[in-house]
Protein backbone atom coordinates (compact mmCIF):
# COMPACT_ATOMS: atom_id res chain seq x y z
CA MET A 1 -56.04 71.40 24.16
CA ALA A 2 -58.35 68.44 23.08
CA LYS A 3 -57.63 68.63 19.59
CA ALA A 4 -53.65 68.45 20.22
CA ASP A 5 -54.47 65.45 22.63
CA GLN A 6 -56.34 64.42 19.62
CA LYS A 7 -53.37 64.65 16.89
CA ARG A 8 -51.49 62.70 19.51
CA LYS A 9 -53.46 60.02 19.56
CA THR A 10 -53.89 60.00 15.70
CA GLU A 11 -49.95 59.90 14.80
CA SER A 12 -49.22 57.23 17.46
CA ALA A 13 -51.74 54.64 16.27
CA ARG A 14 -50.36 55.33 13.30
CA ALA A 15 -46.47 54.76 13.93
CA ARG A 16 -48.19 51.80 15.85
CA LYS A 17 -49.46 50.77 12.69
CA THR A 18 -46.77 51.88 10.74
CA ASP A 19 -44.19 49.76 12.99
CA ARG A 20 -46.68 46.54 12.65
CA GLU A 21 -46.88 47.12 8.81
CA ARG A 22 -42.44 46.92 8.93
CA ALA A 23 -42.89 44.26 11.70
CA VAL A 24 -44.68 42.67 9.23
CA SER A 25 -42.24 43.54 6.43
CA ALA A 26 -39.67 42.09 8.15
CA ALA A 27 -41.14 39.06 9.03
CA ASP A 28 -41.82 38.39 4.89
CA LEU A 29 -38.04 39.08 4.70
CA PHE A 30 -36.79 36.93 7.27
CA GLU A 31 -38.72 34.12 5.35
CA ALA A 32 -37.72 34.85 1.94
CA LEU A 33 -34.25 34.85 3.95
CA LEU A 34 -35.04 30.90 4.69
CA GLY A 35 -36.70 30.22 1.41
CA TRP A 36 -33.42 31.05 0.26
CA ILE A 37 -31.75 28.74 1.58
CA GLY A 38 -33.64 25.94 1.20
CA SER A 39 -34.91 26.38 -2.24
CA PHE A 40 -33.10 28.02 -5.49
CA PRO A 41 -34.36 29.36 -8.81
CA ASP A 42 -34.21 26.37 -11.52
CA ALA A 43 -32.97 28.31 -13.84
CA LEU A 44 -29.42 28.89 -11.58
CA PHE A 45 -29.07 25.33 -10.87
CA ARG A 46 -30.06 24.77 -14.36
CA ARG A 47 -26.85 26.64 -14.88
CA ILE A 48 -24.51 25.56 -12.60
CA SER A 49 -25.54 21.83 -13.12
CA ARG A 50 -23.23 22.71 -16.59
CA ILE A 51 -19.84 23.33 -14.30
CA GLY A 52 -19.94 19.29 -13.55
CA PRO A 53 -20.80 15.90 -12.10
CA ARG A 54 -20.65 17.69 -8.46
CA THR A 55 -23.18 20.26 -9.45
CA ARG A 56 -26.05 17.71 -10.06
CA THR A 57 -25.80 16.72 -6.99
CA LEU A 58 -26.46 20.14 -5.55
CA VAL A 59 -29.65 20.07 -7.29
CA ARG A 60 -30.16 16.70 -5.50
CA GLU A 61 -30.09 17.88 -2.27
CA HIS A 62 -32.36 21.33 -3.09
CA ARG A 63 -35.40 18.56 -4.39
CA ALA A 64 -35.05 16.67 -1.11
CA GLY A 65 -34.78 20.09 1.14
CA HIS A 66 -31.29 19.92 2.27
CA PHE A 67 -28.77 22.73 2.62
CA PRO A 68 -27.25 23.19 -1.01
CA GLU A 69 -23.67 22.41 -0.79
CA SER A 70 -20.48 22.88 -2.76
CA ASP A 71 -16.83 21.82 -2.33
CA ARG A 72 -15.78 24.49 -4.90
CA ARG A 73 -15.39 28.43 -3.91
CA LEU A 74 -17.10 30.01 -6.98
CA VAL A 75 -20.15 27.56 -6.69
CA GLN A 76 -19.97 28.28 -3.29
CA PHE A 77 -19.44 32.64 -3.76
CA PHE A 78 -22.52 32.32 -6.31
CA LEU A 79 -24.62 30.23 -3.88
CA LEU A 80 -24.44 33.16 -1.21
CA MET A 81 -24.44 36.40 -3.81
CA ALA A 82 -27.74 34.06 -4.95
CA GLY A 83 -29.54 34.40 -1.57
CA LEU A 84 -28.38 37.92 -0.95
CA PHE A 85 -30.10 39.35 -4.51
CA ARG A 86 -33.10 38.26 -2.58
CA PHE A 87 -32.62 40.82 0.37
CA TRP A 88 -31.39 43.53 -1.83
CA ARG A 89 -34.36 43.30 -3.63
CA SER A 90 -36.58 42.99 -0.64
CA LEU A 91 -34.99 46.14 0.86
CA ALA A 92 -35.27 48.10 -2.56
CA LYS A 93 -38.77 46.79 -2.29
CA GLU A 94 -39.65 48.67 0.56
CA ARG A 95 -37.68 51.95 -0.26
CA LEU A 96 -40.11 52.61 -3.09
CA PHE A 97 -42.80 51.71 -1.05
CA ARG A 98 -41.57 54.27 1.86
CA ARG A 99 -41.45 56.84 -1.04
CA ARG A 100 -44.50 55.91 -2.76
CA ARG A 101 -46.36 57.40 0.59
CA ARG A 102 -44.40 60.37 1.15
CA SER A 103 -44.71 61.43 -2.39
CA LEU A 104 -48.82 60.64 -1.67
CA GLY A 105 -48.89 61.85 1.33
CA ILE A 106 -49.21 59.76 3.55
CA GLU A 107 -46.16 59.23 5.65
CA THR A 108 -46.40 61.19 8.38
CA THR A 109 -43.48 62.00 11.30
CA VAL A 110 -41.77 59.31 12.95
CA THR A 111 -39.87 59.39 16.29
CA ALA A 112 -36.08 59.34 16.41
CA HIS A 113 -36.73 56.06 18.41
CA THR A 114 -38.66 54.15 15.53
CA MET A 115 -35.65 55.33 13.05
CA ARG A 116 -33.52 53.70 14.03
CA HIS A 117 -35.58 51.36 15.29
CA ASN A 118 -35.63 51.12 11.68
CA ARG A 119 -31.91 51.28 10.62
CA LEU A 120 -31.04 48.82 12.71
CA ARG A 121 -33.19 46.14 11.19
CA PRO A 122 -31.64 45.82 7.70
CA LEU A 123 -28.21 45.20 9.79
CA LEU A 124 -30.10 42.69 11.45
CA PHE A 125 -31.10 40.57 8.23
CA VAL A 126 -27.62 40.48 6.88
CA ALA A 127 -25.65 39.53 10.05
CA VAL A 128 -28.35 36.64 10.02
CA ALA A 129 -28.02 36.21 6.26
CA LEU A 130 -24.02 36.19 7.23
CA ILE A 131 -24.68 32.87 9.73
CA PHE A 132 -27.01 31.39 7.63
CA ALA A 133 -24.20 31.41 3.89
CA GLY A 134 -21.22 30.27 6.33
CA ILE A 135 -23.39 27.86 7.81
CA ALA A 136 -23.48 26.94 4.24
CA ALA A 137 -20.33 27.36 3.51
CA PHE A 138 -19.40 25.07 5.88
CA PHE A 139 -21.61 21.99 5.18
CA SER A 140 -20.33 22.47 1.43
CA MET A 141 -16.82 21.75 2.36
CA TYR A 142 -17.14 19.14 5.35
CA THR A 143 -19.77 16.47 5.89
CA THR A 144 -19.96 12.93 7.76
CA ALA A 145 -17.70 10.27 6.73
CA THR A 146 -16.40 7.09 7.95
CA THR A 147 -13.09 6.39 8.45
CA VAL A 148 -12.16 2.28 8.10
CA THR A 149 -8.43 1.14 9.84
CA TYR A 150 -7.27 -2.21 9.75
CA LYS A 151 -5.42 -3.77 12.73
CA GLY A 152 -4.97 0.38 13.21
CA GLU A 153 -3.52 1.22 10.33
CA PRO A 154 -5.80 3.92 9.09
CA LEU A 155 -7.12 3.10 5.06
CA GLU A 156 -9.93 5.44 3.67
CA THR A 157 -12.41 7.22 4.22
CA VAL A 158 -16.13 6.38 2.74
CA ARG A 159 -19.51 8.33 2.45
CA ASP A 160 -20.99 5.92 5.45
CA VAL A 161 -20.46 2.54 7.85
CA GLU A 162 -22.92 0.73 5.64
CA GLU A 163 -20.90 1.67 2.52
CA ALA A 164 -17.35 0.23 4.34
CA ARG A 165 -19.37 -2.91 5.99
CA LEU A 166 -20.60 -3.93 2.43
CA VAL A 167 -16.79 -4.01 0.85
CA ALA A 168 -15.01 -5.81 4.52
CA ALA A 169 -17.28 -8.56 3.36
CA GLN A 170 -17.54 -8.47 -0.16
CA VAL A 171 -12.81 -8.76 0.65
CA GLU A 172 -14.61 -11.67 2.94
CA THR A 173 -16.38 -13.79 -0.04
CA PHE A 174 -13.36 -13.36 -2.93
CA THR A 175 -10.65 -14.04 -0.53
CA SER A 176 -13.03 -17.65 0.68
CA GLN A 177 -13.80 -18.42 -2.80
CA THR A 178 -9.57 -17.39 -4.28
CA LEU A 179 -8.47 -19.63 -1.29
CA GLY A 180 -10.53 -22.24 -1.59
CA GLY A 181 -11.86 -21.53 2.14
CA SER A 182 -13.69 -19.68 4.92
CA PHE A 183 -12.18 -16.49 5.96
CA LEU A 184 -13.58 -14.27 7.95
CA PHE A 185 -12.03 -10.82 9.34
CA ASP A 186 -11.42 -11.04 13.09
CA GLU A 187 -13.22 -9.63 15.46
CA ASN A 188 -11.10 -6.19 16.64
CA ALA A 189 -9.44 -6.33 13.29
CA ILE A 190 -11.18 -3.44 11.53
CA GLN A 191 -12.06 -0.52 13.50
CA TYR A 192 -15.01 1.92 11.77
CA THR A 193 -14.79 5.86 13.03
CA SER A 194 -17.16 7.70 11.90
CA GLY A 195 -17.62 11.64 12.12
CA LEU A 196 -16.95 15.59 10.18
CA VAL A 197 -14.90 14.61 7.75
CA ARG A 198 -13.39 17.48 4.98
CA ARG A 199 -15.26 15.87 1.27
CA SER A 200 -12.16 16.16 -0.52
CA GLU A 201 -10.75 13.07 2.17
CA ILE A 202 -13.76 10.86 1.11
CA GLY A 203 -12.26 8.51 -1.31
CA GLU A 204 -13.45 5.82 -3.39
CA VAL A 205 -15.09 2.27 -2.55
CA SER A 206 -12.56 0.57 -5.07
CA ASP A 207 -9.41 1.66 -3.49
CA LEU A 208 -10.95 1.35 0.35
CA LYS A 209 -10.96 -2.58 -1.45
CA LYS A 210 -7.73 -2.88 -2.93
CA GLU A 211 -6.18 -1.12 -0.04
CA LEU A 212 -8.00 -3.74 2.80
CA THR A 213 -7.26 -6.57 0.05
CA ASP A 214 -3.13 -5.52 0.06
CA GLN A 215 -3.66 -5.36 4.13
CA ILE A 216 -4.57 -9.44 4.23
CA GLY A 217 -2.16 -10.11 2.18
CA LEU A 218 -3.78 -13.75 1.26
CA VAL A 219 -4.93 -12.67 -2.27
CA THR A 220 -4.11 -10.13 -4.74
CA TYR A 221 -5.20 -8.37 -8.10
CA GLY A 222 -2.94 -11.08 -10.65
CA TYR A 223 -3.50 -11.70 -14.41
CA SER A 224 -3.05 -15.62 -15.39
CA LEU A 225 -1.35 -17.24 -18.94
CA TYR A 226 -3.05 -20.11 -19.77
CA ILE A 227 -2.01 -21.71 -23.05
CA ASP A 228 -5.04 -25.06 -23.86
CA ASP A 229 -6.15 -24.60 -20.13
CA GLU A 230 -2.52 -25.71 -18.85
CA LEU A 231 -2.17 -22.26 -16.72
CA VAL A 232 1.44 -21.34 -17.02
CA GLY A 233 2.05 -18.60 -14.44
CA SER A 234 0.42 -15.95 -13.13
CA THR A 235 2.15 -12.20 -12.06
CA GLN A 236 0.72 -8.50 -10.08
CA TYR A 237 1.60 -6.58 -13.53
CA GLU A 238 -0.61 -5.51 -15.42
CA GLY A 239 0.24 -5.50 -19.41
CA ALA A 240 3.78 -8.04 -19.04
CA LEU A 241 1.99 -11.38 -20.14
CA GLU A 242 0.70 -9.22 -23.20
CA ALA A 243 4.48 -7.67 -24.11
CA LEU A 244 6.01 -11.57 -22.58
CA ILE A 245 3.26 -13.03 -25.30
CA ASP A 246 4.25 -10.12 -27.65
CA GLN A 247 8.01 -10.79 -27.49
CA ILE A 248 7.59 -13.94 -28.65
CA LYS A 249 5.61 -13.42 -31.51
CA ARG A 250 8.62 -10.79 -32.92
CA ILE A 251 11.39 -13.91 -33.07
CA GLY A 252 11.71 -14.92 -36.66
CA THR A 253 9.41 -12.53 -38.29
CA SER A 254 10.62 -9.61 -40.44
CA ALA A 255 9.06 -7.17 -42.46
CA ASP A 256 7.86 -9.70 -45.01
CA THR A 257 5.68 -10.93 -41.89
CA LEU A 258 1.48 -10.81 -42.61
CA SER A 259 0.45 -12.53 -39.35
CA VAL A 260 2.02 -14.64 -36.80
CA ASP A 261 -0.29 -16.05 -34.16
CA PHE A 262 0.05 -19.50 -32.13
CA VAL A 263 -1.40 -23.24 -32.79
CA GLU A 264 -2.77 -23.23 -28.88
CA ASP A 265 -4.89 -21.54 -27.27
CA VAL A 266 -3.33 -18.93 -25.44
CA ARG A 267 -4.96 -17.14 -22.35
CA ILE A 268 -4.69 -14.10 -20.11
CA VAL A 269 -7.80 -14.02 -17.34
CA PRO A 270 -7.37 -11.49 -14.82
CA GLY A 271 -8.57 -11.82 -11.25
CA TYR A 272 -8.21 -12.22 -7.67
CA LEU A 273 -5.50 -15.19 -6.81
CA PRO A 274 -4.06 -16.55 -4.12
CA THR A 275 -0.51 -14.00 -3.15
CA ALA A 276 1.53 -17.79 -2.80
CA SER A 277 0.50 -18.50 -6.36
CA LEU A 278 2.73 -15.84 -8.08
CA THR A 279 5.75 -16.24 -11.08
CA ASN A 280 8.21 -14.74 -12.38
CA LEU A 281 8.04 -13.43 -14.95
CA GLY A 282 11.22 -14.49 -16.10
CA GLU A 283 10.43 -18.13 -14.89
CA ILE A 284 7.49 -17.36 -17.04
CA ALA A 285 9.39 -16.89 -19.75
CA GLU A 286 11.22 -19.61 -19.62
CA VAL A 287 8.41 -21.95 -19.35
CA ILE A 288 7.34 -20.80 -22.12
CA ASN A 289 10.59 -20.74 -24.17
CA SER A 290 11.34 -24.74 -23.34
CA THR A 291 9.69 -28.60 -23.51
CA LYS A 292 7.05 -29.97 -22.27
CA VAL A 293 6.23 -33.67 -22.56
CA GLY A 294 4.17 -34.70 -25.28
CA GLU A 295 5.37 -36.92 -29.40
CA GLU A 296 6.16 -35.34 -32.80
CA THR A 297 6.08 -38.16 -34.97
CA TYR A 298 6.23 -38.65 -38.93
CA THR A 299 4.68 -41.53 -41.02
CA VAL A 300 6.30 -43.66 -43.29
CA VAL A 301 5.17 -42.45 -46.98
CA SER A 302 6.63 -44.13 -50.22
CA GLY A 303 10.64 -43.66 -51.19
CA ASP A 304 11.18 -42.72 -47.15
CA THR A 305 14.51 -44.47 -45.78
CA TRP A 306 15.43 -44.03 -42.22
CA SER A 307 18.40 -42.41 -43.00
CA GLN A 308 17.03 -39.92 -45.38
CA ILE A 309 13.83 -39.11 -42.03
CA ALA A 310 16.71 -38.76 -39.85
CA TYR A 311 18.94 -36.29 -41.61
CA ASP A 312 15.35 -34.23 -42.72
CA HIS A 313 14.71 -34.16 -39.13
CA GLY A 314 18.46 -33.10 -38.37
CA MET A 315 19.10 -36.20 -36.37
CA THR A 316 21.64 -39.30 -37.22
CA ASN A 317 20.80 -42.78 -37.19
CA ASP A 318 20.89 -43.52 -33.97
CA GLU A 319 19.27 -41.00 -32.15
CA LEU A 320 16.46 -41.44 -34.84
CA LEU A 321 16.25 -45.34 -33.57
CA ALA A 322 16.79 -44.40 -30.01
CA LEU A 323 13.58 -42.68 -30.43
CA ASN A 324 11.86 -45.87 -31.97
CA PRO A 325 13.42 -49.30 -30.47
CA GLY A 326 12.43 -51.92 -31.93
CA TYR A 327 12.94 -50.56 -35.32
CA ASN A 328 15.18 -52.02 -37.54
CA ILE A 329 16.88 -49.28 -39.61
CA ASP A 330 16.89 -51.62 -42.55
CA TRP A 331 12.81 -52.15 -43.31
CA ILE A 332 10.34 -49.74 -42.86
CA HIS A 333 7.73 -49.93 -44.38
CA ILE A 334 4.75 -47.21 -45.54
CA GLY A 335 2.16 -46.53 -43.06
CA ASP A 336 5.02 -47.10 -40.12
CA GLU A 337 4.20 -43.73 -37.78
CA LEU A 338 7.85 -43.30 -36.01
CA VAL A 339 8.52 -40.59 -32.91
CA LEU A 340 10.59 -37.60 -33.54
CA SER A 341 10.41 -36.32 -30.12
CA LYS A 342 9.39 -36.91 -26.84
CA GLU A 343 9.19 -33.14 -26.26
CA VAL A 344 6.96 -30.61 -28.25
CA PRO A 345 7.03 -26.58 -26.95
CA TYR A 346 4.81 -24.81 -24.99
CA LEU A 347 4.17 -22.91 -27.74
CA THR A 348 4.09 -23.47 -31.61
CA VAL A 349 4.24 -20.08 -33.50
CA LYS A 350 2.44 -20.10 -36.80
CA VAL A 351 3.99 -17.67 -38.86
CA THR A 352 2.38 -16.02 -42.66
CA GLU A 353 4.66 -14.34 -45.01
CA ARG A 354 4.57 -12.64 -48.01
CA GLN A 355 7.78 -14.04 -50.44
CA ASN A 356 7.78 -12.96 -53.83
CA TYR A 357 10.32 -15.06 -56.31
CA VAL A 358 11.40 -15.87 -59.52
CA ASP A 359 10.57 -19.84 -59.78
CA GLU A 360 10.96 -22.36 -62.71
CA VAL A 361 8.32 -23.33 -64.76
CA ASP A 362 8.15 -27.13 -65.75
CA PHE A 363 7.60 -28.21 -69.71
CA ASP A 364 4.88 -30.09 -71.39
CA ILE A 365 6.43 -33.73 -73.07
CA ILE A 366 4.87 -34.48 -76.38
CA TYR A 367 5.21 -38.23 -76.84
CA VAL A 368 6.01 -40.53 -81.14
CA ASP A 369 4.94 -44.01 -80.47
CA ASP A 370 8.40 -46.01 -81.86
CA ALA A 371 7.48 -49.13 -82.59
CA SER A 372 11.06 -50.12 -82.55
CA MET A 373 11.62 -49.96 -78.34
CA TYR A 374 10.17 -51.81 -76.04
CA GLN A 375 6.61 -50.24 -73.82
CA GLY A 376 7.76 -48.67 -71.43
CA ASP A 377 10.84 -47.48 -72.68
CA THR A 378 11.59 -43.58 -73.97
CA ARG A 379 13.32 -41.52 -75.69
CA VAL A 380 14.01 -37.89 -75.95
CA ILE A 381 13.72 -36.52 -79.58
CA LYS A 382 14.08 -32.76 -79.38
CA LYS A 383 15.15 -31.40 -75.86
CA GLY A 384 12.71 -29.65 -73.09
CA SER A 385 13.84 -26.52 -71.00
CA TYR A 386 11.92 -25.35 -68.05
CA GLY A 387 10.24 -21.48 -68.33
CA THR A 388 10.58 -19.00 -65.08
CA ALA A 389 7.98 -16.76 -63.28
CA ASP A 390 7.27 -14.41 -60.94
CA ILE A 391 5.93 -15.99 -58.69
CA VAL A 392 4.25 -14.18 -55.29
CA ALA A 393 2.97 -16.98 -52.35
CA ASP A 394 1.63 -16.91 -49.04
CA VAL A 395 4.47 -19.15 -47.26
CA GLU A 396 2.94 -20.88 -43.57
CA TYR A 397 5.65 -21.86 -41.14
CA VAL A 398 4.74 -23.73 -37.72
CA ASN A 399 8.29 -23.24 -35.55
CA GLY A 400 10.87 -22.80 -38.51
CA ILE A 401 9.63 -25.41 -40.78
CA GLU A 402 7.14 -24.23 -43.79
CA THR A 403 3.43 -26.43 -44.16
CA GLU A 404 1.91 -24.20 -46.60
CA ARG A 405 2.66 -22.47 -49.24
CA THR A 406 -0.77 -20.89 -51.12
CA VAL A 407 0.54 -18.97 -54.45
CA ILE A 408 -1.70 -15.20 -54.81
CA SER A 409 -0.28 -14.39 -58.15
CA LYS A 410 2.03 -15.84 -61.12
CA VAL A 411 3.84 -13.62 -64.12
CA MET A 412 5.46 -15.54 -67.07
CA LEU A 413 8.90 -14.39 -67.09
CA THR A 414 10.33 -16.74 -70.20
CA ALA A 415 8.06 -19.52 -71.45
CA PRO A 416 8.82 -23.29 -70.77
CA LEU A 417 10.46 -25.26 -74.16
CA THR A 418 7.96 -28.69 -75.43
CA GLU A 419 10.03 -32.10 -74.93
CA THR A 420 9.23 -34.46 -78.01
CA ARG A 421 9.70 -37.87 -76.66
CA ALA A 422 9.78 -41.13 -78.13
CA ARG A 423 7.77 -43.12 -76.97
CA GLY A 424 7.53 -47.92 -77.06
CA THR A 425 5.06 -49.79 -78.31
CA LYS A 426 6.79 -52.92 -79.02
CA GLU A 427 5.02 -55.87 -76.60
CA ARG A 428 7.58 -55.74 -73.97
CA PRO A 429 8.76 -59.75 -73.24
CA SER A 430 7.27 -61.36 -69.74
CA TRP A 431 11.44 -61.73 -68.48
CA MET A 432 12.88 -58.04 -68.90
CA ALA A 433 13.52 -55.15 -66.08
CA THR A 434 10.25 -53.47 -64.94
CA GLY A 435 12.45 -51.17 -63.05
CA SER A 436 10.95 -52.27 -59.36
CA PHE A 437 12.42 -55.08 -56.83
CA ARG A 438 9.83 -57.04 -55.20
CA TRP A 439 10.65 -59.04 -51.87
CA PRO A 440 11.83 -62.44 -52.58
CA VAL A 441 10.16 -63.76 -50.05
CA SER A 442 8.69 -62.79 -46.63
CA GLY A 443 10.14 -62.89 -44.13
CA ARG A 444 12.05 -60.66 -40.77
CA ILE A 445 14.85 -59.41 -41.18
CA THR A 446 17.37 -61.01 -39.45
CA SER A 447 21.09 -59.13 -40.21
CA GLY A 448 20.92 -55.35 -42.08
CA PHE A 449 23.24 -54.02 -44.77
CA GLY A 450 26.71 -53.31 -43.50
CA TYR A 451 28.94 -53.79 -40.98
CA ARG A 452 28.20 -56.39 -38.04
CA ASN A 453 29.78 -58.58 -36.19
CA THR A 454 28.16 -62.33 -35.55
CA GLY A 455 30.18 -64.32 -34.26
CA ILE A 456 29.44 -66.88 -36.20
CA ARG A 457 33.25 -68.49 -37.80
CA GLY A 458 33.74 -67.29 -41.77
CA ALA A 459 30.68 -64.74 -41.26
CA SER A 460 31.41 -61.98 -43.02
CA THR A 461 31.65 -58.82 -40.92
CA ASP A 462 30.86 -56.56 -44.44
CA HIS A 463 27.30 -57.72 -44.74
CA LYS A 464 26.63 -57.14 -48.55
CA GLY A 465 22.68 -57.41 -48.45
CA ILE A 466 19.94 -58.21 -46.34
CA ASP A 467 19.57 -61.52 -44.32
CA ILE A 468 15.58 -62.34 -44.48
CA ALA A 469 14.45 -65.33 -42.00
CA CYS A 470 11.41 -67.63 -43.56
CA SER A 471 11.24 -71.61 -43.43
CA TYR A 472 13.27 -74.38 -44.95
CA GLY A 473 12.29 -74.04 -48.02
CA THR A 474 10.06 -71.62 -49.08
CA PRO A 475 9.98 -70.95 -53.15
CA ILE A 476 12.48 -67.64 -53.70
CA GLY A 477 10.81 -64.95 -56.24
CA ALA A 478 13.09 -63.08 -58.69
CA ALA A 479 13.11 -59.69 -57.13
CA ASP A 480 12.84 -58.58 -60.91
CA GLY A 481 12.87 -59.67 -64.97
CA GLY A 482 16.47 -60.53 -65.99
CA THR A 483 18.60 -63.06 -67.50
CA VAL A 484 20.07 -65.68 -65.20
CA GLU A 485 23.42 -65.12 -64.82
CA PHE A 486 24.76 -67.44 -62.28
CA THR A 487 24.06 -70.88 -60.48
CA GLY A 488 25.91 -72.90 -58.24
CA TYR A 489 28.44 -73.02 -55.59
CA LYS A 490 30.25 -70.33 -54.21
CA GLY A 491 32.10 -70.37 -50.68
CA ALA A 492 30.44 -69.15 -47.73
CA MET A 493 27.71 -68.13 -50.07
CA GLY A 494 26.57 -71.46 -50.56
CA TYR A 495 24.26 -72.15 -53.40
CA THR A 496 23.10 -68.88 -54.96
CA VAL A 497 21.14 -67.15 -57.89
CA ILE A 498 22.86 -63.74 -59.75
CA ILE A 499 20.23 -62.22 -62.20
CA ASP A 500 21.15 -60.03 -64.48
CA HIS A 501 18.43 -56.73 -64.41
CA GLY A 502 20.06 -55.55 -67.50
CA ASN A 503 19.93 -52.14 -66.77
CA GLY A 504 23.02 -51.89 -64.49
CA PHE A 505 21.26 -53.29 -61.51
CA LYS A 506 21.97 -57.76 -60.33
CA THR A 507 20.31 -59.33 -57.53
CA TYR A 508 22.22 -61.75 -55.62
CA TYR A 509 19.66 -65.01 -53.91
CA GLU A 510 22.24 -66.74 -51.12
CA HIS A 511 22.68 -69.76 -48.72
CA CYS A 512 19.59 -71.87 -51.25
CA SER A 513 18.65 -75.36 -51.28
CA SER A 514 18.33 -76.04 -54.31
CA PHE A 515 17.92 -74.26 -57.39
CA ALA A 516 14.50 -73.82 -59.78
CA VAL A 517 16.67 -72.25 -63.10
CA SER A 518 19.66 -72.37 -65.07
CA ALA A 519 22.05 -70.01 -65.97
CA GLY A 520 21.44 -68.26 -69.06
CA ALA A 521 17.28 -68.34 -67.98
CA HIS A 522 15.38 -65.67 -69.07
CA VAL A 523 12.98 -65.48 -65.46
CA TYR A 524 9.86 -62.88 -65.23
CA LYS A 525 9.14 -60.59 -62.00
CA GLY A 526 8.09 -63.25 -59.25
CA GLN A 527 8.87 -66.56 -60.72
CA THR A 528 10.56 -69.25 -58.45
CA ILE A 529 13.97 -69.24 -59.32
CA ALA A 530 15.33 -71.35 -55.72
CA TYR A 531 13.77 -72.38 -52.67
CA VAL A 532 15.45 -71.14 -48.72
CA GLY A 533 18.52 -73.24 -47.21
CA SER A 534 21.31 -72.62 -45.50
CA THR A 535 24.06 -74.01 -47.55
CA GLY A 536 27.30 -71.84 -46.70
CA VAL A 537 28.18 -70.05 -44.05
CA SER A 538 24.88 -69.69 -41.77
CA SER A 539 22.85 -69.82 -39.14
CA GLY A 540 19.92 -71.36 -39.73
CA PRO A 541 17.71 -71.00 -43.20
CA HIS A 542 16.80 -67.79 -44.63
CA CYS A 543 17.48 -66.03 -47.79
CA HIS A 544 20.75 -62.97 -48.28
CA PHE A 545 19.29 -60.92 -50.48
CA GLY A 546 22.26 -58.18 -52.37
CA VAL A 547 21.41 -55.54 -55.19
CA LEU A 548 24.63 -54.86 -56.99
CA ARG A 549 24.17 -51.33 -58.83
CA ASN A 550 26.38 -50.62 -61.71
CA GLY A 551 29.17 -52.97 -59.99
CA THR A 552 28.50 -51.51 -56.38
CA TYR A 553 27.18 -53.13 -53.33
CA VAL A 554 23.96 -51.06 -52.30
CA ASN A 555 21.08 -51.55 -49.68
CA PRO A 556 18.10 -53.57 -50.61
CA ILE A 557 16.33 -52.15 -48.32
CA ASN A 558 16.69 -48.60 -50.24
CA TYR A 559 14.67 -50.68 -53.67
CA LEU A 560 11.74 -52.08 -51.73
CA PRO A 561 8.77 -51.22 -51.68
């Protein structure tokens, strides 16, 4: 009996020891399970991190000691399986350990109660693991966030309330700056509600800023068009102004167009602006296709006449005169600046085209001296002819008017033929015509060429020359060299001098007080031929100067410098 009691005591002690070992093993397993929830193998996370930016968040949460979270079902499954793997690995080790003990004869018979207890423990571990896995899955799908409401209207959900308050402060700041005053939200206008939400419902901070700005309605993110720092208009539609500018550039272009640009500085500036300042796109298009206050001018050069300047710029003489009051259309000088327009386009379009064309090539001239001819006279001995060349040139147009032409290449097609001319060497008499006129006197033109109505009885309404007012007795100089054809009294013309210049031109000097030459005399250019008076039909001392070309009166202004 003593031996049997001793045997039972030994078996009982061994069973208690086995229970303690198993309890320790279960504690280790539970601790390992908790360790799984708090830590994942780095190698696993390195693999998961390749999935995308969300996986990097899991790594940061793991390193911070938080539960790893993910919105992706596949990632959640792998996280769960990775945790269960450690649990299964521990069970496998325990079973292997027991088998080894049995093989060594160490394992003893245990009670039925102990066996049932050992079978229940794995189920408990699985249940605990599933609970923790469920908790981890829940927090991977849900998190705490803040929903912003403006005047009862839910706007956007962001991660935390401080982030939402920062956005509201930013909106207040740029709204105040845009309006040029102070703007603050009403105390109870914005509400911040924090709680659990699905992670997929969390929006971006930029979306909250836009929605909050739209709810206020005072400022709008838009695009403003500036031309030479002058605001033309603004719109909230992205790309609309660029499309409008491109449309203007395409007008007047062709397949040969190299570039299209604007003379003015054209800028499109994005940013917040007062909602009230937004402009309809049609109004912006109307403005930039119209004109603005400004002057377009033209400087008179040698050879210009009033009528030619007007014609070249699509105007009549009267229209050009209306823009330049105070000018005499029969008397303009080199360097005079004439106004062509009181308005200029908002946009000046500069287009460069590549042009290919055939043009004439000037011929050379060879001169041969001829002692039988006067100096300055020439005569064609052998007529020359123009050549032709294939030209490639870049031509620049500003608002449709050519401003510059640059020849890129020139290929000769037919060579020009040189012309031979005889050139006089005999000394020219001083009285011979030079071919150009000078003013006979200096003074103000009181009556121009053509129709007039002076109100003076006997004065012609068809004025054949110009009247130049000056003091009585002022010397009158010959406009060019020639032979005096007539001196005498000619009715309404008074005392008159007529000079034949021998080149198809005759000049008339009327209303003289006295003569300095007589008929038949040779006079040189600038020689005094008479003195200013007021004879004939005249309202005061002046010199009437007329020009007869091949028997027809012409406007003297067109022949004076």
